[in-house]
C-alpha atoms as a PDB file:
ATOM      1  CA  MET A   1      59.552  -9.669-108.413  1.00  0.00           C
ATOM      2  CA  THR A   2      61.879 -11.523-110.673  1.00  0.00           C
ATOM      3  CA  ILE A   3      64.724 -13.198-110.108  1.00  0.00           C
ATOM      4  CA  ARG A   4      67.006 -13.279-113.513  1.00  0.00           C
ATOM      5  CA  PHE A   5      69.664 -15.824-114.270  1.00  0.00           C
ATOM      6  CA  ASP A   6      71.846 -16.111-117.155  1.00  0.00           C
ATOM      7  CA  VAL A   7      70.735 -17.477-120.118  1.00  0.00           C
ATOM      8  CA  GLN A   8      73.430 -19.673-121.716  1.00  0.00           C
ATOM      9  CA  ASN A   9      73.820 -19.372-125.427  1.00  0.00           C
ATOM     10  CA  THR A  10      73.613 -22.586-127.534  1.00  0.00           C
ATOM     11  CA  GLU A  11      72.926 -23.930-131.187  1.00  0.00           C
ATOM     12  CA  THR A  12      71.815 -27.410-129.717  1.00  0.00           C
ATOM     13  CA  THR A  13      68.360 -27.376-128.117  1.00  0.00           C
ATOM     14  CA  PRO A  14      68.635 -26.556-124.491  1.00  0.00           C
ATOM     15  CA  ALA A  15      67.315 -29.654-121.994  1.00  0.00           C
ATOM     16  CA  LEU A  16      65.614 -26.995-119.844  1.00  0.00           C
ATOM     17  CA  ARG A  17      64.400 -23.317-120.813  1.00  0.00           C
ATOM     18  CA  ILE A  18      62.372 -20.977-118.144  1.00  0.00           C
ATOM     19  CA  SER A  19      61.080 -17.801-119.819  1.00  0.00           C
ATOM     20  CA  SER A  20      58.549 -15.645-117.770  1.00  0.00           C
ATOM     21  CA  LEU A  21      57.916 -18.405-115.136  1.00  0.00           C
ATOM     22  CA  ALA A  22      55.653 -17.130-112.775  1.00  0.00           C
ATOM     23  CA  HIS A  23      52.913 -19.104-110.054  1.00  0.00           C
ATOM     24  CA  ARG A  24      50.665 -17.959-107.176  1.00  0.00           C
ATOM     25  CA  TYR A  25      49.041 -18.895-104.278  1.00  0.00           C
ATOM     26  CA  ALA A  26      45.239 -19.913-105.592  1.00  0.00           C
ATOM     27  CA  SER A  27      43.676 -18.487-102.692  1.00  0.00           C
ATOM     28  CA  SER A  28      45.697 -15.080-102.227  1.00  0.00           C
ATOM     29  CA  GLY A  29      47.080 -14.685-105.269  1.00  0.00           C
ATOM     30  CA  THR A  30      50.887 -14.056-103.656  1.00  0.00           C
ATOM     31  CA  PRO A  31      52.962 -14.661-105.363  1.00  0.00           C
ATOM     32  CA  ALA A  32      54.923 -18.070-104.790  1.00  0.00           C
ATOM     33  CA  LEU A  33      57.671 -17.661-107.248  1.00  0.00           C
ATOM     34  CA  GLN A  34      58.985 -15.519-109.948  1.00  0.00           C
ATOM     35  CA  ILE A  35      61.761 -16.565-112.419  1.00  0.00           C
ATOM     36  CA  ASP A  36      62.665 -14.531-115.501  1.00  0.00           C
ATOM     37  CA  ALA A  37      64.530 -17.011-117.148  1.00  0.00           C
ATOM     38  CA  LEU A  38      67.192 -20.007-116.756  1.00  0.00           C
ATOM     39  CA  THR A  39      68.185 -22.385-119.273  1.00  0.00           C
ATOM     40  CA  LEU A  40      70.182 -25.236-118.706  1.00  0.00           C
ATOM     41  CA  ASP A  41      72.175 -27.269-121.586  1.00  0.00           C
ATOM     42  CA  PRO A  42      72.528 -30.708-122.060  1.00  0.00           C
ATOM     43  CA  GLY A  43      74.951 -32.766-119.980  1.00  0.00           C
ATOM     44  CA  GLU A  44      74.847 -29.218-117.689  1.00  0.00           C
ATOM     45  CA  GLN A  45      74.530 -29.480-113.786  1.00  0.00           C
ATOM     46  CA  VAL A  46      73.331 -26.239-111.920  1.00  0.00           C
ATOM     47  CA  VAL A  47      72.869 -26.271-108.122  1.00  0.00           C
ATOM     48  CA  LEU A  48      69.735 -24.154-106.938  1.00  0.00           C
ATOM     49  CA  THR A  49      69.966 -23.018-103.346  1.00  0.00           C
ATOM     50  CA  GLY A  50      67.292 -21.041-101.196  1.00  0.00           C
ATOM     51  CA  SER A  51      65.827 -20.883 -97.643  1.00  0.00           C
ATOM     52  CA  SER A  52      62.716 -22.382 -96.832  1.00  0.00           C
ATOM     53  CA  GLY A  53      59.708 -21.073 -98.569  1.00  0.00           C
ATOM     54  CA  SER A  54      61.747 -19.392-101.389  1.00  0.00           C
ATOM     55  CA  GLY A  55      59.824 -21.771-104.245  1.00  0.00           C
ATOM     56  CA  LYS A  56      62.675 -24.345-105.131  1.00  0.00           C
ATOM     57  CA  SER A  57      60.640 -27.516-104.650  1.00  0.00           C
ATOM     58  CA  THR A  58      57.851 -25.585-105.752  1.00  0.00           C
ATOM     59  CA  LEU A  59      60.146 -25.450-109.377  1.00  0.00           C
ATOM     60  CA  LEU A  60      60.580 -28.906-109.469  1.00  0.00           C
ATOM     61  CA  HIS A  61      57.054 -29.468-109.409  1.00  0.00           C
ATOM     62  CA  LEU A  62      56.489 -26.974-112.365  1.00  0.00           C
ATOM     63  CA  VAL A  63      59.445 -28.379-113.881  1.00  0.00           C
ATOM     64  CA  ALA A  64      58.036 -31.836-113.577  1.00  0.00           C
ATOM     65  CA  GLY A  65      54.544 -31.181-115.182  1.00  0.00           C
ATOM     66  CA  LEU A  66      52.923 -32.229-111.708  1.00  0.00           C
ATOM     67  CA  MET A  67      51.670 -28.765-110.932  1.00  0.00           C
ATOM     68  CA  ASP A  68      50.793 -25.858-113.750  1.00  0.00           C
ATOM     69  CA  PRO A  69      52.358 -22.201-113.485  1.00  0.00           C
ATOM     70  CA  SER A  70      50.083 -19.083-113.529  1.00  0.00           C
ATOM     71  CA  SER A  71      52.551 -17.912-116.480  1.00  0.00           C
ATOM     72  CA  GLY A  72      55.127 -18.494-118.454  1.00  0.00           C
ATOM     73  CA  THR A  73      56.604 -21.568-120.548  1.00  0.00           C
ATOM     74  CA  ILE A  74      58.836 -24.315-119.424  1.00  0.00           C
ATOM     75  CA  GLU A  75      60.306 -26.108-122.201  1.00  0.00           C
ATOM     76  CA  ILE A  76      62.378 -30.002-121.486  1.00  0.00           C
ATOM     77  CA  ALA A  77      64.597 -30.726-124.692  1.00  0.00           C
ATOM     78  CA  GLY A  78      62.082 -28.282-126.863  1.00  0.00           C
ATOM     79  CA  GLU A  79      59.040 -29.295-125.654  1.00  0.00           C
ATOM     80  CA  ASP A  80      56.699 -27.469-123.949  1.00  0.00           C
ATOM     81  CA  ILE A  81      55.418 -29.984-120.997  1.00  0.00           C
ATOM     82  CA  HIS A  82      52.232 -27.503-120.275  1.00  0.00           C
ATOM     83  CA  LYS A  83      51.125 -28.013-123.457  1.00  0.00           C
ATOM     84  CA  LEU A  84      50.640 -31.636-123.286  1.00  0.00           C
ATOM     85  CA  ASN A  85      47.415 -33.200-121.266  1.00  0.00           C
ATOM     86  CA  GLY A  86      46.829 -36.440-119.470  1.00  0.00           C
ATOM     87  CA  HIS A  87      48.210 -39.143-120.382  1.00  0.00           C
ATOM     88  CA  ALA A  88      50.184 -37.301-123.220  1.00  0.00           C
ATOM     89  CA  ARG A  89      52.331 -35.356-120.400  1.00  0.00           C
ATOM     90  CA  ASP A  90      52.524 -38.215-118.459  1.00  0.00           C
ATOM     91  CA  ARG A  91      54.243 -40.612-121.025  1.00  0.00           C
ATOM     92  CA  PHE A  92      56.850 -37.424-121.639  1.00  0.00           C
ATOM     93  CA  ARG A  93      57.243 -37.234-118.088  1.00  0.00           C
ATOM     94  CA  GLY A  94      58.420 -40.675-117.811  1.00  0.00           C
ATOM     95  CA  ARG A  95      60.860 -40.739-121.172  1.00  0.00           C
ATOM     96  CA  SER A  96      62.218 -37.313-120.614  1.00  0.00           C
ATOM     97  CA  VAL A  97      62.171 -35.988-116.732  1.00  0.00           C
ATOM     98  CA  GLY A  98      64.010 -38.193-114.097  1.00  0.00           C
ATOM     99  CA  MET A  99      63.407 -37.552-110.426  1.00  0.00           C
ATOM    100  CA  VAL A 100      65.432 -38.525-107.186  1.00  0.00           C
ATOM    101  CA  PHE A 101      63.584 -37.329-104.142  1.00  0.00           C
ATOM    102  CA  GLN A 102      64.779 -37.047-100.548  1.00  0.00           C
ATOM    103  CA  THR A 103      62.896 -39.888 -99.534  1.00  0.00           C
ATOM    104  CA  HIS A 104      63.002 -41.719-102.754  1.00  0.00           C
ATOM    105  CA  HIS A 105      59.604 -42.724-103.071  1.00  0.00           C
ATOM    106  CA  LEU A 106      60.376 -46.280-103.905  1.00  0.00           C
ATOM    107  CA  LEU A 107      57.907 -49.257-104.467  1.00  0.00           C
ATOM    108  CA  THR A 108      58.049 -50.974-100.849  1.00  0.00           C
ATOM    109  CA  GLY A 109      57.522 -54.962-101.454  1.00  0.00           C
ATOM    110  CA  PHE A 110      59.129 -54.886-104.999  1.00  0.00           C
ATOM    111  CA  SER A 111      62.606 -55.372-105.162  1.00  0.00           C
ATOM    112  CA  ALA A 112      65.215 -52.953-106.801  1.00  0.00           C
ATOM    113  CA  GLU A 113      64.648 -54.205-110.131  1.00  0.00           C
ATOM    114  CA  GLU A 114      61.279 -54.041-110.296  1.00  0.00           C
ATOM    115  CA  ASN A 115      61.378 -50.822-109.418  1.00  0.00           C
ATOM    116  CA  VAL A 116      63.982 -49.577-111.827  1.00  0.00           C
ATOM    117  CA  MET A 117      62.044 -51.674-114.688  1.00  0.00           C
ATOM    118  CA  ALA A 118      58.682 -49.992-113.080  1.00  0.00           C
ATOM    119  CA  ALA A 119      60.151 -46.353-114.483  1.00  0.00           C
ATOM    120  CA  LEU A 120      60.992 -48.706-118.170  1.00  0.00           C
ATOM    121  CA  MET A 121      57.684 -49.121-118.749  1.00  0.00           C
ATOM    122  CA  PHE A 122      57.448 -45.150-120.524  1.00  0.00           C
ATOM    123  CA  SER A 123      60.541 -45.642-122.289  1.00  0.00           C
ATOM    124  CA  ASP A 124      60.745 -47.129-126.341  1.00  0.00           C
ATOM    125  CA  ILE A 125      63.222 -49.226-124.753  1.00  0.00           C
ATOM    126  CA  PRO A 126      61.953 -52.648-125.885  1.00  0.00           C
ATOM    127  CA  ARG A 127      59.912 -54.667-122.804  1.00  0.00           C
ATOM    128  CA  GLY A 128      62.201 -58.090-123.608  1.00  0.00           C
ATOM    129  CA  SER A 129      65.218 -56.037-122.075  1.00  0.00           C
ATOM    130  CA  HIS A 130      63.838 -54.071-119.097  1.00  0.00           C
ATOM    131  CA  ARG A 131      65.157 -56.535-116.527  1.00  0.00           C
ATOM    132  CA  GLU A 132      68.961 -56.137-117.920  1.00  0.00           C
ATOM    133  CA  ARG A 133      68.732 -52.455-118.736  1.00  0.00           C
ATOM    134  CA  ALA A 134      67.834 -52.252-115.032  1.00  0.00           C
ATOM    135  CA  ARG A 135      70.592 -54.819-113.118  1.00  0.00           C
ATOM    136  CA  THR A 136      73.259 -53.618-115.534  1.00  0.00           C
ATOM    137  CA  LEU A 137      72.234 -49.824-114.250  1.00  0.00           C
ATOM    138  CA  LEU A 138      72.017 -51.141-110.448  1.00  0.00           C
ATOM    139  CA  GLU A 139      75.198 -52.740-110.749  1.00  0.00           C
ATOM    140  CA  SER A 140      76.798 -49.984-111.790  1.00  0.00           C
ATOM    141  CA  LEU A 141      75.340 -48.192-108.936  1.00  0.00           C
ATOM    142  CA  GLY A 142      76.757 -50.134-106.595  1.00  0.00           C
ATOM    143  CA  ILE A 143      74.066 -52.136-105.927  1.00  0.00           C
ATOM    144  CA  PRO A 144      74.934 -56.541-106.370  1.00  0.00           C
ATOM    145  CA  THR A 145      71.426 -58.131-105.480  1.00  0.00           C
ATOM    146  CA  PRO A 146      68.717 -56.411-107.396  1.00  0.00           C
ATOM    147  CA  ALA A 147      66.503 -59.018-106.837  1.00  0.00           C
ATOM    148  CA  GLN A 148      66.715 -57.995-103.040  1.00  0.00           C
ATOM    149  CA  ARG A 149      63.048 -55.882-101.965  1.00  0.00           C
ATOM    150  CA  VAL A 150      63.911 -52.407-101.397  1.00  0.00           C
ATOM    151  CA  GLU A 151      63.099 -52.294 -97.772  1.00  0.00           C
ATOM    152  CA  ARG A 152      65.646 -54.499 -96.695  1.00  0.00           C
ATOM    153  CA  LEU A 153      68.374 -52.053 -98.768  1.00  0.00           C
ATOM    154  CA  SER A 154      69.876 -49.515 -96.471  1.00  0.00           C
ATOM    155  CA  ILE A 155      68.892 -46.015 -96.738  1.00  0.00           C
ATOM    156  CA  GLY A 156      71.994 -45.515 -99.146  1.00  0.00           C
ATOM    157  CA  GLN A 157      71.334 -48.276-101.200  1.00  0.00           C
ATOM    158  CA  GLN A 158      67.943 -47.108-101.424  1.00  0.00           C
ATOM    159  CA  GLN A 159      69.142 -43.905-103.019  1.00  0.00           C
ATOM    160  CA  ARG A 160      71.009 -45.635-105.435  1.00  0.00           C
ATOM    161  CA  VAL A 161      67.968 -47.444-106.678  1.00  0.00           C
ATOM    162  CA  ALA A 162      66.377 -44.141-106.976  1.00  0.00           C
ATOM    163  CA  ILE A 163      69.224 -42.884-108.980  1.00  0.00           C
ATOM    164  CA  ALA A 164      69.243 -45.936-111.061  1.00  0.00           C
ATOM    165  CA  ARG A 165      65.239 -45.538-111.414  1.00  0.00           C
ATOM    166  CA  ALA A 166      65.399 -42.068-112.566  1.00  0.00           C
ATOM    167  CA  LEU A 167      68.182 -42.502-115.592  1.00  0.00           C
ATOM    168  CA  ALA A 168      66.170 -45.572-116.485  1.00  0.00           C
ATOM    169  CA  CYS A 169      64.805 -43.863-119.657  1.00  0.00           C
ATOM    170  CA  ASP A 170      67.516 -41.738-120.422  1.00  0.00           C
ATOM    171  CA  PRO A 171      66.462 -38.748-119.952  1.00  0.00           C
ATOM    172  CA  ALA A 172      67.161 -35.405-120.761  1.00  0.00           C
ATOM    173  CA  LEU A 173      66.349 -33.470-117.620  1.00  0.00           C
ATOM    174  CA  VAL A 174      67.453 -35.232-114.047  1.00  0.00           C
ATOM    175  CA  LEU A 175      65.762 -33.510-111.406  1.00  0.00           C
ATOM    176  CA  ALA A 176      67.113 -33.907-107.719  1.00  0.00           C
ATOM    177  CA  ASP A 177      64.957 -32.485-104.432  1.00  0.00           C
ATOM    178  CA  GLU A 178      67.206 -32.369-101.127  1.00  0.00           C
ATOM    179  CA  PRO A 179      68.934 -36.201-102.761  1.00  0.00           C
ATOM    180  CA  THR A 180      71.283 -36.150 -99.835  1.00  0.00           C
ATOM    181  CA  ALA A 181      69.400 -34.840 -96.942  1.00  0.00           C
ATOM    182  CA  SER A 182      68.489 -38.133 -95.571  1.00  0.00           C
ATOM    183  CA  LEU A 183      72.064 -39.466 -95.483  1.00  0.00           C
ATOM    184  CA  ASP A 184      74.882 -38.783 -93.148  1.00  0.00           C
ATOM    185  CA  PRO A 185      77.745 -37.255 -94.559  1.00  0.00           C
ATOM    186  CA  ASP A 186      80.097 -40.036 -95.814  1.00  0.00           C
ATOM    187  CA  ASN A 187      77.208 -41.208 -97.662  1.00  0.00           C
ATOM    188  CA  ALA A 188      75.883 -38.213 -99.060  1.00  0.00           C
ATOM    189  CA  GLN A 189      79.416 -37.616-100.706  1.00  0.00           C
ATOM    190  CA  VAL A 190      79.058 -41.220-102.453  1.00  0.00           C
ATOM    191  CA  ALA A 191      75.009 -40.500-103.537  1.00  0.00           C
ATOM    192  CA  LEU A 192      76.059 -37.444-104.923  1.00  0.00           C
ATOM    193  CA  ASP A 193      78.918 -38.899-106.942  1.00  0.00           C
ATOM    194  CA  LEU A 194      77.064 -41.420-107.924  1.00  0.00           C
ATOM    195  CA  LEU A 195      74.518 -39.013-109.857  1.00  0.00           C
ATOM    196  CA  GLN A 196      76.509 -36.543-110.931  1.00  0.00           C
ATOM    197  CA  ASP A 197      78.716 -39.271-112.943  1.00  0.00           C
ATOM    198  CA  ALA A 198      75.310 -41.485-113.755  1.00  0.00           C
ATOM    199  CA  CYS A 199      74.230 -37.988-115.446  1.00  0.00           C
ATOM    200  CA  ARG A 200      77.096 -36.766-117.178  1.00  0.00           C
ATOM    201  CA  SER A 201      77.319 -40.676-118.600  1.00  0.00           C
ATOM    202  CA  SER A 202      73.768 -40.150-120.025  1.00  0.00           C
ATOM    203  CA  ASN A 203      74.507 -36.452-120.977  1.00  0.00           C
ATOM    204  CA  ALA A 204      71.480 -35.677-118.782  1.00  0.00           C
ATOM    205  CA  ALA A 205      71.345 -31.728-117.458  1.00  0.00           C
ATOM    206  CA  LEU A 206      70.822 -32.041-113.660  1.00  0.00           C
ATOM    207  CA  LEU A 207      69.082 -29.116-111.879  1.00  0.00           C
ATOM    208  CA  CYS A 208      69.592 -29.631-107.750  1.00  0.00           C
ATOM    209  CA  VAL A 209      68.148 -28.094-105.035  1.00  0.00           C
ATOM    210  CA  THR A 210      69.652 -27.983-101.591  1.00  0.00           C
ATOM    211  CA  HIS A 211      69.990 -26.249 -98.068  1.00  0.00           C
ATOM    212  CA  ASP A 212      73.361 -28.228 -98.649  1.00  0.00           C
ATOM    213  CA  GLN A 213      76.510 -25.583 -98.977  1.00  0.00           C
ATOM    214  CA  ARG A 214      79.230 -27.955 -98.715  1.00  0.00           C
ATOM    215  CA  PHE A 215      78.433 -29.468-102.080  1.00  0.00           C
ATOM    216  CA  VAL A 216      77.489 -26.430-104.351  1.00  0.00           C
ATOM    217  CA  ASP A 217      81.362 -25.840-105.628  1.00  0.00           C
ATOM    218  CA  ARG A 218      80.737 -29.048-107.570  1.00  0.00           C
ATOM    219  CA  PHE A 219      78.330 -27.961-110.098  1.00  0.00           C
ATOM    220  CA  ASP A 220      78.780 -26.055-113.547  1.00  0.00           C
ATOM    221  CA  ARG A 221      76.682 -23.494-111.926  1.00  0.00           C
ATOM    222  CA  HIS A 222      75.277 -22.136-108.830  1.00  0.00           C
ATOM    223  CA  GLU A 223      72.404 -20.112-109.040  1.00  0.00           C
ATOM    224  CA  HIS A 224      70.173 -18.613-105.440  1.00  0.00           C
ATOM    225  CA  LEU A 225      66.352 -18.645-105.469  1.00  0.00           C
ATOM    226  CA  ALA A 226      65.855 -15.849-102.881  1.00  0.00           C
ATOM    227  CA  SER A 227      62.457 -16.190-100.577  1.00  0.00           C
ATOM    228  CA  PRO A 228      59.216 -13.637-100.940  1.00  0.00           C
ATOM    229  CA  LEU A 229      60.568 -11.458 -98.012  1.00  0.00           C
ATOM    230  CA  GLU A 230      64.464 -11.615 -99.240  1.00  0.00           C
ATOM    231  CA  GLN A 231      63.411 -10.310-102.273  1.00  0.00           C
ATOM    232  CA  LEU A 232      61.395  -7.900-101.165  1.00  0.00           C
ATOM    233  CA  GLN A 233      64.193  -6.948 -98.194  1.00  0.00           C
ATOM    234  CA  GLY A 234      66.391  -6.802-101.447  1.00  0.00           C
ATOM    235  CA  ALA A 235      64.052  -4.197-103.147  1.00  0.00           C
ATOM    236  CA  LEU A 236      64.368  -2.104-100.339  1.00  0.00           C
ATOM    237  CA  GLU A 237      67.395  -1.717 -99.614  1.00  0.00           C
ATOM    238  CA  GLY A 238      67.952  -1.061-103.490  1.00  0.00           C
ATOM    239  CA  ALA A 239      65.481   1.676-103.238  1.00  0.00           C
END
C-alpha cells in the first residue's frame, strides 16, 4: 500500500525528494515501507510519527544511504544518493546529511570538539579552521568546555554535541531519529529548541521521527506513517 504525502511546489531544488519508494524484507519479500512521494524544501521542518514497526527508522536509513531501497528514488539537494557507491556515497553523506540519533553515537575517549572535527573531515572547509569551527558550534549550543571528553558530559550536553556534529558541514538535510527519547522533559524541550534553531540558522531541512506527540505542533508539517497492520486495517475499512 502507498503512503501519500503532499509534494511541495517550489522553484528551488528540494532538500529531499522521495519518489515511488518501496522497501521489502529480503527474507520474505513482505513490504516494510512504501511511500509514493515526500518532498522537503530547503529549511523546512517536518515531523514524522508512527507506531513501532511503521518503518520510520528504516526510512531514515534509506534516506541516509545506509540501506538501499527495493525500488524508487531518493534525491538530496538534487543528487540521487543511491546512484553513488562506496567512498563517493560516504563523502556525499558526510557533506550533505546531518544525523542526530537517540543514543548519540559519540566517540568515547575523545573530546567534544574532536567529535565535531571528525564530521568536518568530510567537508570542503579548510582543515586549519576545523577546531575553531567546532568550538564555535559547541559554544553556540551551550558547551563552554569543548576540550572535555564526551563521556564526562551529561546526557543533555552529549545531545548538544551530537547536534553540533550534525550541523558541522552545513548539510542540506538533517535527520533526527527520536532525538529527545533519552532526555527528561526539560532537557528534551531545550534539545529540540537547539536543534530546530540550528537548522533554521543554516537553512537545513529537518526530518524528525518521534513517538512524542508533545512536540508535533512545533514543526512546519506533521505526517503520519502507518504500520503495515494499520494500512491493512485502513484498506479493509475502506473496502
